[in-house]
PDB file of N, CA and C in Angstrom:
ATOM      1  N   MET A   1       0.859  -1.175  -0.040  1.00  0.00           N
ATOM      2  CA  MET A   1      -0.049  -0.009   0.024  1.00  0.00           C
ATOM      3  C   MET A   1       0.892   1.181  -0.011  1.00  0.00           C
ATOM      4  N   SER A   2       2.059   1.258   0.617  1.00  0.00           N
ATOM      5  CA  SER A   2       2.995   2.446   0.582  1.00  0.00           C
ATOM      6  C   SER A   2       3.508   2.854  -0.714  1.00  0.00           C
ATOM      7  N   GLN A   3       3.582   1.773  -1.553  1.00  0.00           N
ATOM      8  CA  GLN A   3       4.021   2.062  -3.057  1.00  0.00           C
ATOM      9  C   GLN A   3       3.180   3.063  -3.802  1.00  0.00           C
ATOM     10  N   ILE A   4       1.852   2.465  -3.796  1.00  0.00           N
ATOM     11  CA  ILE A   4       0.709   3.239  -4.332  1.00  0.00           C
ATOM     12  C   ILE A   4       0.586   4.771  -3.891  1.00  0.00           C
ATOM     13  N   PHE A   5       0.906   4.964  -2.538  1.00  0.00           N
ATOM     14  CA  PHE A   5       0.816   6.274  -1.954  1.00  0.00           C
ATOM     15  C   PHE A   5       2.072   6.987  -2.625  1.00  0.00           C
ATOM     16  N   ALA A   6       3.084   6.483  -2.439  1.00  0.00           N
ATOM     17  CA  ALA A   6       4.358   7.134  -3.094  1.00  0.00           C
ATOM     18  C   ALA A   6       4.000   7.814  -4.569  1.00  0.00           C
ATOM     19  N   TYR A   7       3.589   6.694  -5.310  1.00  0.00           N
ATOM     20  CA  TYR A   7       3.203   6.981  -6.693  1.00  0.00           C
ATOM     21  C   TYR A   7       2.180   7.842  -7.076  1.00  0.00           C
ATOM     22  N   THR A   8       1.147   7.824  -6.118  1.00  0.00           N
ATOM     23  CA  THR A   8       0.085   8.851  -6.390  1.00  0.00           C
ATOM     24  C   THR A   8       0.590  10.213  -5.776  1.00  0.00           C
ATOM     25  N   MET A   9       1.344  10.215  -4.824  1.00  0.00           N
ATOM     26  CA  MET A   9       1.776  11.476  -4.408  1.00  0.00           C
ATOM     27  C   MET A   9       2.874  12.034  -5.377  1.00  0.00           C
ATOM     28  N   ALA A  10       3.455  11.334  -5.982  1.00  0.00           N
ATOM     29  CA  ALA A  10       4.443  11.793  -7.142  1.00  0.00           C
ATOM     30  C   ALA A  10       3.496  12.155  -8.366  1.00  0.00           C
ATOM     31  N   LEU A  11       2.525  11.583  -8.631  1.00  0.00           N
ATOM     32  CA  LEU A  11       1.495  12.002  -9.550  1.00  0.00           C
ATOM     33  C   LEU A  11       0.797  13.422  -9.312  1.00  0.00           C
ATOM     34  N   ALA A  12       0.377  13.563  -7.940  1.00  0.00           N
ATOM     35  CA  ALA A  12      -0.376  14.500  -7.547  1.00  0.00           C
ATOM     36  C   ALA A  12       0.614  15.989  -7.503  1.00  0.00           C
ATOM     37  N   LEU A  13       1.880  15.548  -7.015  1.00  0.00           N
ATOM     38  CA  LEU A  13       2.987  16.705  -7.109  1.00  0.00           C
ATOM     39  C   LEU A  13       3.227  17.101  -8.483  1.00  0.00           C
ATOM     40  N   SER A  14       3.287  16.084  -9.472  1.00  0.00           N
ATOM     41  CA  SER A  14       3.352  16.672 -10.796  1.00  0.00           C
ATOM     42  C   SER A  14       2.518  17.444 -11.506  1.00  0.00           C
ATOM     43  N   GLU A  15       1.039  17.009 -11.181  1.00  0.00           N
ATOM     44  CA  GLU A  15       0.080  17.808 -11.662  1.00  0.00           C
ATOM     45  C   GLU A  15       0.028  19.257 -10.808  1.00  0.00           C
ATOM     46  N   THR A  16       0.263  19.077  -9.640  1.00  0.00           N
ATOM     47  CA  THR A  16       0.419  20.477  -9.008  1.00  0.00           C
ATOM     48  C   THR A  16       1.316  21.404  -9.511  1.00  0.00           C
ATOM     49  N   ILE A  17       2.548  20.991  -9.755  1.00  0.00           N
ATOM     50  CA  ILE A  17       3.640  21.766 -10.480  1.00  0.00           C
ATOM     51  C   ILE A  17       2.999  22.133 -11.848  1.00  0.00           C
ATOM     52  N   ALA A  18       2.361  21.282 -12.693  1.00  0.00           N
ATOM     53  CA  ALA A  18       1.964  21.534 -13.938  1.00  0.00           C
ATOM     54  C   ALA A  18       0.872  22.661 -13.896  1.00  0.00           C
ATOM     55  N   MET A  19      -0.165  22.468 -13.055  1.00  0.00           N
ATOM     56  CA  MET A  19      -1.142  23.358 -12.873  1.00  0.00           C
ATOM     57  C   MET A  19      -0.528  24.813 -12.579  1.00  0.00           C
ATOM     58  N   THR A  20       0.330  24.759 -11.583  1.00  0.00           N
ATOM     59  CA  THR A  20       1.103  26.086 -10.984  1.00  0.00           C
ATOM     60  C   THR A  20       1.717  26.851 -12.212  1.00  0.00           C
ATOM     61  N   ALA A  21       2.454  26.128 -13.051  1.00  0.00           N
ATOM     62  CA  ALA A  21       3.164  26.485 -14.248  1.00  0.00           C
ATOM     63  C   ALA A  21       2.371  27.140 -15.302  1.00  0.00           C
ATOM     64  N   LEU A  22       1.204  26.428 -15.369  1.00  0.00           N
ATOM     65  CA  LEU A  22       0.160  26.864 -16.478  1.00  0.00           C
ATOM     66  C   LEU A  22      -0.613  28.243 -15.850  1.00  0.00           C
ATOM     67  N   THR A  23      -0.727  28.108 -14.483  1.00  0.00           N
ATOM     68  CA  THR A  23      -1.489  29.448 -14.030  1.00  0.00           C
ATOM     69  C   THR A  23      -0.370  30.669 -14.002  1.00  0.00           C
ATOM     70  N   LYS A  24       0.682  30.268 -13.916  1.00  0.00           N
ATOM     71  CA  LYS A  24       1.816  31.501 -13.991  1.00  0.00           C
ATOM     72  C   LYS A  24       1.890  31.939 -15.290  1.00  0.00           C
ATOM     73  N   TYR A  25       1.788  30.892 -16.269  1.00  0.00           N
ATOM     74  CA  TYR A  25       1.887  31.218 -17.630  1.00  0.00           C
ATOM     75  C   TYR A  25       0.637  32.145 -18.298  1.00  0.00           C
ATOM     76  N   ALA A  26      -0.347  31.864 -17.773  1.00  0.00           N
ATOM     77  CA  ALA A  26      -1.830  32.708 -17.719  1.00  0.00           C
ATOM     78  C   ALA A  26      -1.600  34.167 -17.368  1.00  0.00           C
ATOM     79  N   LYS A  27      -0.753  34.163 -16.306  1.00  0.00           N
ATOM     80  CA  LYS A  27      -0.696  35.568 -15.634  1.00  0.00           C
ATOM     81  C   LYS A  27       0.509  36.245 -16.347  1.00  0.00           C
ATOM     82  N   SER A  28       1.460  35.621 -16.740  1.00  0.00           N
ATOM     83  CA  SER A  28       2.786  36.370 -17.155  1.00  0.00           C
ATOM     84  C   SER A  28       3.029  36.241 -18.696  1.00  0.00           C
ATOM     85  N   TYR A  29       2.544  35.157 -19.297  1.00  0.00           N
ATOM     86  CA  TYR A  29       2.534  34.659 -20.769  1.00  0.00           C
ATOM     87  C   TYR A  29       4.224  34.319 -20.981  1.00  0.00           C
ATOM     88  N   ASN A  30       5.066  33.903 -19.909  1.00  0.00           N
ATOM     89  CA  ASN A  30       6.221  33.290 -20.080  1.00  0.00           C
ATOM     90  C   ASN A  30       6.154  31.873 -20.632  1.00  0.00           C
ATOM     91  N   THR A  31       6.682  31.662 -21.896  1.00  0.00           N
ATOM     92  CA  THR A  31       6.780  30.560 -22.580  1.00  0.00           C
ATOM     93  C   THR A  31       7.257  29.365 -22.054  1.00  0.00           C
ATOM     94  N   TYR A  32       8.285  29.687 -20.846  1.00  0.00           N
ATOM     95  CA  TYR A  32       8.751  28.565 -20.319  1.00  0.00           C
ATOM     96  C   TYR A  32       7.727  27.682 -19.411  1.00  0.00           C
ATOM     97  N   TYR A  33       6.799  28.606 -18.763  1.00  0.00           N
ATOM     98  CA  TYR A  33       5.776  28.027 -17.850  1.00  0.00           C
ATOM     99  C   TYR A  33       4.908  27.080 -18.716  1.00  0.00           C
ATOM    100  N   LEU A  34       4.630  27.770 -19.837  1.00  0.00           N
ATOM    101  CA  LEU A  34       3.786  26.820 -20.829  1.00  0.00           C
ATOM    102  C   LEU A  34       4.503  25.652 -21.126  1.00  0.00           C
ATOM    103  N   ILE A  35       5.696  25.498 -21.574  1.00  0.00           N
ATOM    104  CA  ILE A  35       6.440  24.484 -22.007  1.00  0.00           C
ATOM    105  C   ILE A  35       6.617  23.351 -20.769  1.00  0.00           C
ATOM    106  N   ALA A  36       6.981  23.873 -19.404  1.00  0.00           N
ATOM    107  CA  ALA A  36       6.915  22.918 -18.451  1.00  0.00           C
ATOM    108  C   ALA A  36       5.563  22.376 -18.052  1.00  0.00           C
ATOM    109  N   GLY A  37       4.524  23.001 -18.162  1.00  0.00           N
ATOM    110  CA  GLY A  37       3.194  22.612 -17.988  1.00  0.00           C
ATOM    111  C   GLY A  37       2.883  21.345 -19.007  1.00  0.00           C
ATOM    112  N   SER A  38       3.100  21.647 -20.089  1.00  0.00           N
ATOM    113  CA  SER A  38       2.821  20.748 -21.247  1.00  0.00           C
ATOM    114  C   SER A  38       3.532  19.594 -21.137  1.00  0.00           C
ATOM    115  N   VAL A  39       4.876  19.579 -20.671  1.00  0.00           N
ATOM    116  CA  VAL A  39       5.906  18.337 -20.662  1.00  0.00           C
ATOM    117  C   VAL A  39       5.191  17.520 -19.706  1.00  0.00           C
ATOM    118  N   LEU A  40       4.918  18.287 -18.342  1.00  0.00           N
ATOM    119  CA  LEU A  40       4.340  17.315 -17.386  1.00  0.00           C
ATOM    120  C   LEU A  40       3.018  16.745 -17.682  1.00  0.00           C
ATOM    121  N   TYR A  41       2.248  17.483 -18.304  1.00  0.00           N
ATOM    122  CA  TYR A  41       0.945  16.819 -18.667  1.00  0.00           C
ATOM    123  C   TYR A  41       1.002  15.716 -19.721  1.00  0.00           C
ATOM    124  N   GLY A  42       1.885  16.070 -20.684  1.00  0.00           N
ATOM    125  CA  GLY A  42       1.986  15.390 -21.988  1.00  0.00           C
ATOM    126  C   GLY A  42       2.903  14.048 -21.713  1.00  0.00           C
ATOM    127  N   ILE A  43       3.892  14.061 -20.881  1.00  0.00           N
ATOM    128  CA  ILE A  43       4.880  13.064 -20.650  1.00  0.00           C
ATOM    129  C   ILE A  43       4.780  12.414 -19.233  1.00  0.00           C
ATOM    130  N   VAL A  44       5.069  13.294 -18.178  1.00  0.00           N
ATOM    131  CA  VAL A  44       5.284  12.814 -16.843  1.00  0.00           C
ATOM    132  C   VAL A  44       4.119  12.240 -16.135  1.00  0.00           C
ATOM    133  N   ILE A  45       3.051  12.799 -16.403  1.00  0.00           N
ATOM    134  CA  ILE A  45       1.673  12.384 -15.573  1.00  0.00           C
ATOM    135  C   ILE A  45       1.158  11.138 -16.325  1.00  0.00           C
ATOM    136  N   PRO A  46       1.173  11.064 -17.577  1.00  0.00           N
ATOM    137  CA  PRO A  46       0.842   9.607 -18.199  1.00  0.00           C
ATOM    138  C   PRO A  46       1.733   8.556 -17.830  1.00  0.00           C
ATOM    139  N   TYR A  47       2.892   8.825 -17.530  1.00  0.00           N
ATOM    140  CA  TYR A  47       3.842   7.879 -17.315  1.00  0.00           C
ATOM    141  C   TYR A  47       3.736   7.433 -15.707  1.00  0.00           C
ATOM    142  N   MET A  48       3.358   8.364 -15.042  1.00  0.00           N
ATOM    143  CA  MET A  48       3.128   8.017 -13.453  1.00  0.00           C
ATOM    144  C   MET A  48       1.784   7.235 -13.261  1.00  0.00           C
ATOM    145  N   ILE A  49       0.720   7.579 -14.325  1.00  0.00           N
ATOM    146  CA  ILE A  49      -0.585   6.996 -14.116  1.00  0.00           C
ATOM    147  C   ILE A  49      -0.214   5.424 -14.353  1.00  0.00           C
ATOM    148  N   ILE A  50       0.530   5.178 -15.710  1.00  0.00           N
ATOM    149  CA  ILE A  50       0.570   3.867 -15.952  1.00  0.00           C
ATOM    150  C   ILE A  50       1.434   3.192 -14.920  1.00  0.00           C
ATOM    151  N   SER A  51       2.481   3.679 -14.260  1.00  0.00           N
ATOM    152  CA  SER A  51       3.291   3.079 -13.212  1.00  0.00           C
ATOM    153  C   SER A  51       2.516   2.731 -11.954  1.00  0.00           C
ATOM    154  N   SER A  52       1.550   3.719 -11.802  1.00  0.00           N
ATOM    155  CA  SER A  52       0.733   3.358 -10.517  1.00  0.00           C
ATOM    156  C   SER A  52      -0.239   2.291 -10.595  1.00  0.00           C
ATOM    157  N   LEU A  53      -0.644   2.083 -11.908  1.00  0.00           N
ATOM    158  CA  LEU A  53      -1.520   1.200 -12.176  1.00  0.00           C
ATOM    159  C   LEU A  53      -0.924  -0.366 -11.977  1.00  0.00           C
ATOM    160  N   ASN A  54       0.251  -0.456 -11.679  1.00  0.00           N
ATOM    161  CA  ASN A  54       0.756  -1.703 -11.488  1.00  0.00           C
ATOM    162  C   ASN A  54       0.544  -2.152 -10.141  1.00  0.00           C
ATOM    163  N   PHE A  55       0.133  -1.349  -9.222  1.00  0.00           N
ATOM    164  CA  PHE A  55      -0.060  -1.655  -7.828  1.00  0.00           C
ATOM    165  C   PHE A  55      -1.402  -1.755  -7.359  1.00  0.00           C
ATOM    166  N   THR A  56      -2.341  -1.029  -7.937  1.00  0.00           N
ATOM    167  CA  THR A  56      -3.842  -1.031  -7.813  1.00  0.00           C
ATOM    168  C   THR A  56      -4.481  -0.694  -8.880  1.00  0.00           C
ATOM    169  N   GLY A  57      -5.878  -0.542  -8.703  1.00  0.00           N
ATOM    170  CA  GLY A  57      -6.805  -0.421  -9.753  1.00  0.00           C
ATOM    171  C   GLY A  57      -7.048   0.960  -9.978  1.00  0.00           C
ATOM    172  N   ILE A  58      -7.507   1.375 -11.041  1.00  0.00           N
ATOM    173  CA  ILE A  58      -7.633   2.739 -11.504  1.00  0.00           C
ATOM    174  C   ILE A  58      -8.702   3.515 -10.463  1.00  0.00           C
ATOM    175  N   GLY A  59      -9.515   3.098  -9.931  1.00  0.00           N
ATOM    176  CA  GLY A  59     -10.292   3.689  -8.953  1.00  0.00           C
ATOM    177  C   GLY A  59      -9.610   4.349  -7.781  1.00  0.00           C
ATOM    178  N   THR A  60      -8.734   3.504  -7.255  1.00  0.00           N
ATOM    179  CA  THR A  60      -7.833   3.807  -6.305  1.00  0.00           C
ATOM    180  C   THR A  60      -6.967   4.909  -6.545  1.00  0.00           C
ATOM    181  N   VAL A  61      -6.389   4.754  -7.681  1.00  0.00           N
ATOM    182  CA  VAL A  61      -5.221   5.745  -8.329  1.00  0.00           C
ATOM    183  C   VAL A  61      -6.103   6.957  -8.422  1.00  0.00           C
ATOM    184  N   ASN A  62      -7.271   6.943  -9.100  1.00  0.00           N
ATOM    185  CA  ASN A  62      -7.821   8.053  -9.457  1.00  0.00           C
ATOM    186  C   ASN A  62      -8.325   8.837  -8.160  1.00  0.00           C
ATOM    187  N   LEU A  63      -8.842   8.193  -7.202  1.00  0.00           N
ATOM    188  CA  LEU A  63      -9.226   8.848  -5.856  1.00  0.00           C
ATOM    189  C   LEU A  63      -8.216   9.454  -5.364  1.00  0.00           C
ATOM    190  N   LEU A  64      -7.018   8.945  -5.026  1.00  0.00           N
ATOM    191  CA  LEU A  64      -5.911   9.401  -4.310  1.00  0.00           C
ATOM    192  C   LEU A  64      -5.306  10.556  -4.953  1.00  0.00           C
ATOM    193  N   TRP A  65      -5.253  10.425  -6.372  1.00  0.00           N
ATOM    194  CA  TRP A  65      -4.621  11.572  -7.245  1.00  0.00           C
ATOM    195  C   TRP A  65      -5.382  12.594  -7.163  1.00  0.00           C
ATOM    196  N   ASN A  66      -6.795  12.672  -7.195  1.00  0.00           N
ATOM    197  CA  ASN A  66      -7.755  13.884  -7.211  1.00  0.00           C
ATOM    198  C   ASN A  66      -7.805  14.305  -5.897  1.00  0.00           C
ATOM    199  N   ILE A  67      -7.816  13.808  -4.763  1.00  0.00           N
ATOM    200  CA  ILE A  67      -7.932  14.418  -3.580  1.00  0.00           C
ATOM    201  C   ILE A  67      -6.394  14.891  -3.195  1.00  0.00           C
ATOM    202  N   LEU A  68      -5.314  14.297  -3.311  1.00  0.00           N
ATOM    203  CA  LEU A  68      -4.160  14.990  -3.196  1.00  0.00           C
ATOM    204  C   LEU A  68      -3.966  16.040  -4.033  1.00  0.00           C
ATOM    205  N   THR A  69      -4.224  16.120  -5.206  1.00  0.00           N
ATOM    206  CA  THR A  69      -4.151  17.349  -6.131  1.00  0.00           C
ATOM    207  C   THR A  69      -5.084  18.478  -5.749  1.00  0.00           C
ATOM    208  N   THR A  70      -6.187  18.103  -5.421  1.00  0.00           N
ATOM    209  CA  THR A  70      -7.299  19.206  -4.857  1.00  0.00           C
ATOM    210  C   THR A  70      -6.697  19.714  -3.557  1.00  0.00           C
ATOM    211  N   VAL A  71      -6.114  19.007  -2.685  1.00  0.00           N
ATOM    212  CA  VAL A  71      -5.587  19.650  -1.292  1.00  0.00           C
ATOM    213  C   VAL A  71      -4.491  20.606  -1.568  1.00  0.00           C
ATOM    214  N   SER A  72      -3.596  20.110  -2.559  1.00  0.00           N
ATOM    215  CA  SER A  72      -2.458  20.856  -2.694  1.00  0.00           C
ATOM    216  C   SER A  72      -2.567  22.180  -3.420  1.00  0.00           C
ATOM    217  N   MET A  73      -3.508  22.057  -4.372  1.00  0.00           N
ATOM    218  CA  MET A  73      -4.043  23.203  -5.331  1.00  0.00           C
ATOM    219  C   MET A  73      -4.576  24.301  -4.614  1.00  0.00           C
ATOM    220  N   ILE A  74      -5.517  23.755  -3.423  1.00  0.00           N
ATOM    221  CA  ILE A  74      -6.044  24.782  -2.514  1.00  0.00           C
ATOM    222  C   ILE A  74      -4.896  25.546  -1.665  1.00  0.00           C
ATOM    223  N   ILE A  75      -3.938  24.665  -1.144  1.00  0.00           N
ATOM    224  CA  ILE A  75      -3.004  25.266  -0.431  1.00  0.00           C
ATOM    225  C   ILE A  75      -2.062  26.136  -1.321  1.00  0.00           C
ATOM    226  N   ILE A  76      -1.587  25.771  -2.636  1.00  0.00           N
ATOM    227  CA  ILE A  76      -0.855  26.608  -3.396  1.00  0.00           C
ATOM    228  C   ILE A  76      -1.571  27.812  -4.008  1.00  0.00           C
ATOM    229  N   GLY A  77      -2.859  27.678  -4.021  1.00  0.00           N
ATOM    230  CA  GLY A  77      -3.853  29.075  -4.543  1.00  0.00           C
ATOM    231  C   GLY A  77      -3.662  29.863  -3.367  1.00  0.00           C
ATOM    232  N   TYR A  78      -4.059  29.360  -2.229  1.00  0.00           N
ATOM    233  CA  TYR A  78      -3.891  30.385  -0.981  1.00  0.00           C
ATOM    234  C   TYR A  78      -2.454  31.134  -0.772  1.00  0.00           C
ATOM    235  N   SER A  79      -1.413  30.145  -0.862  1.00  0.00           N
ATOM    236  CA  SER A  79      -0.014  30.771  -0.520  1.00  0.00           C
ATOM    237  C   SER A  79       0.743  31.443  -1.650  1.00  0.00           C
ATOM    238  N   LEU A  80       0.544  31.046  -2.797  1.00  0.00           N
ATOM    239  CA  LEU A  80       1.161  31.602  -4.147  1.00  0.00           C
ATOM    240  C   LEU A  80       0.238  32.563  -4.904  1.00  0.00           C
ATOM    241  N   PHE A  81      -0.939  32.464  -4.719  1.00  0.00           N
ATOM    242  CA  PHE A  81      -1.783  33.237  -5.678  1.00  0.00           C
ATOM    243  C   PHE A  81      -2.710  34.076  -4.941  1.00  0.00           C
ATOM    244  N   ASN A  82      -2.585  34.066  -3.551  1.00  0.00           N
ATOM    245  CA  ASN A  82      -3.501  34.815  -2.702  1.00  0.00           C
ATOM    246  C   ASN A  82      -4.861  34.702  -2.873  1.00  0.00           C
ATOM    247  N   GLU A  83      -5.279  33.631  -3.150  1.00  0.00           N
ATOM    248  CA  GLU A  83      -6.650  33.312  -3.167  1.00  0.00           C
ATOM    249  C   GLU A  83      -7.291  33.130  -1.910  1.00  0.00           C
ATOM    250  N   LYS A  84      -8.531  33.334  -1.718  1.00  0.00           N
ATOM    251  CA  LYS A  84      -9.094  33.381  -0.413  1.00  0.00           C
ATOM    252  C   LYS A  84      -9.750  32.024  -0.075  1.00  0.00           C
ATOM    253  N   LEU A  85      -9.597  31.567   1.265  1.00  0.00           N
ATOM    254  CA  LEU A  85     -10.056  30.538   1.693  1.00  0.00           C
ATOM    255  C   LEU A  85     -11.257  30.736   2.661  1.00  0.00           C
ATOM    256  N   ASN A  86     -12.228  30.069   2.470  1.00  0.00           N
ATOM    257  CA  ASN A  86     -13.507  30.126   3.455  1.00  0.00           C
ATOM    258  C   ASN A  86     -13.628  28.819   4.263  1.00  0.00           C
ATOM    259  N   HIS A  87     -14.589  28.881   5.068  1.00  0.00           N
ATOM    260  CA  HIS A  87     -14.734  27.628   5.944  1.00  0.00           C
ATOM    261  C   HIS A  87     -15.273  26.508   5.237  1.00  0.00           C
ATOM    262  N   LEU A  88     -15.695  26.608   3.972  1.00  0.00           N
ATOM    263  CA  LEU A  88     -16.239  25.594   3.131  1.00  0.00           C
ATOM    264  C   LEU A  88     -14.723  24.808   2.378  1.00  0.00           C
ATOM    265  N   HIS A  89     -13.936  25.644   1.995  1.00  0.00           N
ATOM    266  CA  HIS A  89     -12.515  24.962   1.637  1.00  0.00           C
ATOM    267  C   HIS A  89     -11.894  24.200   2.756  1.00  0.00           C
ATOM    268  N   LEU A  90     -12.041  24.808   4.094  1.00  0.00           N
ATOM    269  CA  LEU A  90     -11.254  23.938   5.034  1.00  0.00           C
ATOM    270  C   LEU A  90     -11.943  22.668   5.411  1.00  0.00           C
ATOM    271  N   VAL A  91     -13.242  22.615   5.179  1.00  0.00           N
ATOM    272  CA  VAL A  91     -13.853  21.406   5.406  1.00  0.00           C
ATOM    273  C   VAL A  91     -13.797  20.490   4.405  1.00  0.00           C
ATOM    274  N   SER A  92     -13.631  20.931   3.227  1.00  0.00           N
ATOM    275  CA  SER A  92     -13.213  20.016   2.074  1.00  0.00           C
ATOM    276  C   SER A  92     -11.816  19.330   2.278  1.00  0.00           C
ATOM    277  N   LEU A  93     -10.904  20.320   2.898  1.00  0.00           N
ATOM    278  CA  LEU A  93      -9.498  19.955   2.975  1.00  0.00           C
ATOM    279  C   LEU A  93      -9.469  18.825   4.020  1.00  0.00           C
ATOM    280  N   LEU A  94     -10.394  18.936   5.147  1.00  0.00           N
ATOM    281  CA  LEU A  94     -10.444  17.903   6.128  1.00  0.00           C
ATOM    282  C   LEU A  94     -10.950  16.600   5.554  1.00  0.00           C
ATOM    283  N   LEU A  95     -12.068  16.737   4.796  1.00  0.00           N
ATOM    284  CA  LEU A  95     -12.718  15.594   4.264  1.00  0.00           C
ATOM    285  C   LEU A  95     -11.917  15.010   3.244  1.00  0.00           C
ATOM    286  N   GLY A  96     -11.067  15.594   2.613  1.00  0.00           N
ATOM    287  CA  GLY A  96     -10.183  14.821   1.789  1.00  0.00           C
ATOM    288  C   GLY A  96      -9.139  14.010   2.514  1.00  0.00           C
ATOM    289  N   VAL A  97      -8.507  14.627   3.393  1.00  0.00           N
ATOM    290  CA  VAL A  97      -7.653  13.798   4.093  1.00  0.00           C
ATOM    291  C   VAL A  97      -8.119  12.729   5.046  1.00  0.00           C
ATOM    292  N   CYS A  98      -9.535  12.913   5.616  1.00  0.00           N
ATOM    293  CA  CYS A  98     -10.132  11.793   5.895  1.00  0.00           C
ATOM    294  C   CYS A  98     -10.417  10.556   5.188  1.00  0.00           C
ATOM    295  N   SER A  99     -11.070  11.096   3.703  1.00  0.00           N
ATOM    296  CA  SER A  99     -10.928   9.883   2.722  1.00  0.00           C
ATOM    297  C   SER A  99      -9.890   9.200   2.494  1.00  0.00           C
ATOM    298  N   ILE A 100      -8.757  10.057   2.464  1.00  0.00           N
ATOM    299  CA  ILE A 100      -7.394   9.275   2.399  1.00  0.00           C
ATOM    300  C   ILE A 100      -7.093   8.175   3.554  1.00  0.00           C
ATOM    301  N   ILE A 101      -7.268   8.690   4.619  1.00  0.00           N
ATOM    302  CA  ILE A 101      -7.083   7.602   5.639  1.00  0.00           C
ATOM    303  C   ILE A 101      -8.121   6.423   5.587  1.00  0.00           C
ATOM    304  N   ILE A 102      -9.344   6.710   5.409  1.00  0.00           N
ATOM    305  CA  ILE A 102     -10.274   5.734   5.285  1.00  0.00           C
ATOM    306  C   ILE A 102      -9.699   4.729   4.004  1.00  0.00           C
ATOM    307  N   LEU A 103      -9.459   5.097   2.876  1.00  0.00           N
ATOM    308  CA  LEU A 103      -8.923   4.404   1.681  1.00  0.00           C
ATOM    309  C   LEU A 103      -7.765   3.522   2.153  1.00  0.00           C
ATOM    310  N   TYR A 104      -6.950   4.183   3.044  1.00  0.00           N
ATOM    311  CA  TYR A 104      -5.669   3.455   3.496  1.00  0.00           C
ATOM    312  C   TYR A 104      -5.995   2.209   4.341  1.00  0.00           C
ATOM    313  N   PHE A 105      -6.950   2.483   5.145  1.00  0.00           N
ATOM    314  CA  PHE A 105      -7.441   1.202   5.802  1.00  0.00           C
ATOM    315  C   PHE A 105      -8.289   0.313   5.267  1.00  0.00           C
ATOM    316  N   ALA A 106      -8.957   0.762   4.294  1.00  0.00           N
ATOM    317  CA  ALA A 106      -9.914  -0.118   3.420  1.00  0.00           C
ATOM    318  C   ALA A 106      -8.820  -0.960   2.535  1.00  0.00           C
ATOM    319  N   ASP A 107      -7.917  -0.530   1.845  1.00  0.00           N
ATOM    320  CA  ASP A 107      -6.816  -1.287   1.218  1.00  0.00           C
ATOM    321  C   ASP A 107      -5.970  -2.123   1.811  1.00  0.00           C
ATOM    322  N   ASP A 108      -5.689  -1.608   3.110  1.00  0.00           N
ATOM    323  CA  ASP A 108      -4.768  -2.256   3.952  1.00  0.00           C
ATOM    324  C   ASP A 108      -5.199  -3.641   4.362  1.00  0.00           C
ATOM    325  N   LYS A 109      -6.566  -3.994   4.338  1.00  0.00           N
ATOM    326  CA  LYS A 109      -6.972  -5.396   4.727  1.00  0.00           C
ATOM    327  C   LYS A 109      -7.092  -6.400   3.855  1.00  0.00           C
TER     328      LYS A 109
END
């Protein structure tokens, strides 16, 4: 189970970096951000998905990937792009972390 968490965390990190780069591109039109985001979405992320499927099914991979990416993007948006957080964002972060914990125990058995 720890291998799938490592792969999905790397997958979520790759997507977080790609999304951050594309957001920076949208604000600055710096071509390097566009290239970085495109390479991550076009090469690295598909490779990480295929690698993670060697350890578990697509449902588990997709759930972990989406939750980890959502949590990280809320944090990045708040810290780097000065986006506002309200109580519903914080509740969603808490629920996301709880669902990862539940999934860990469900797959551990």
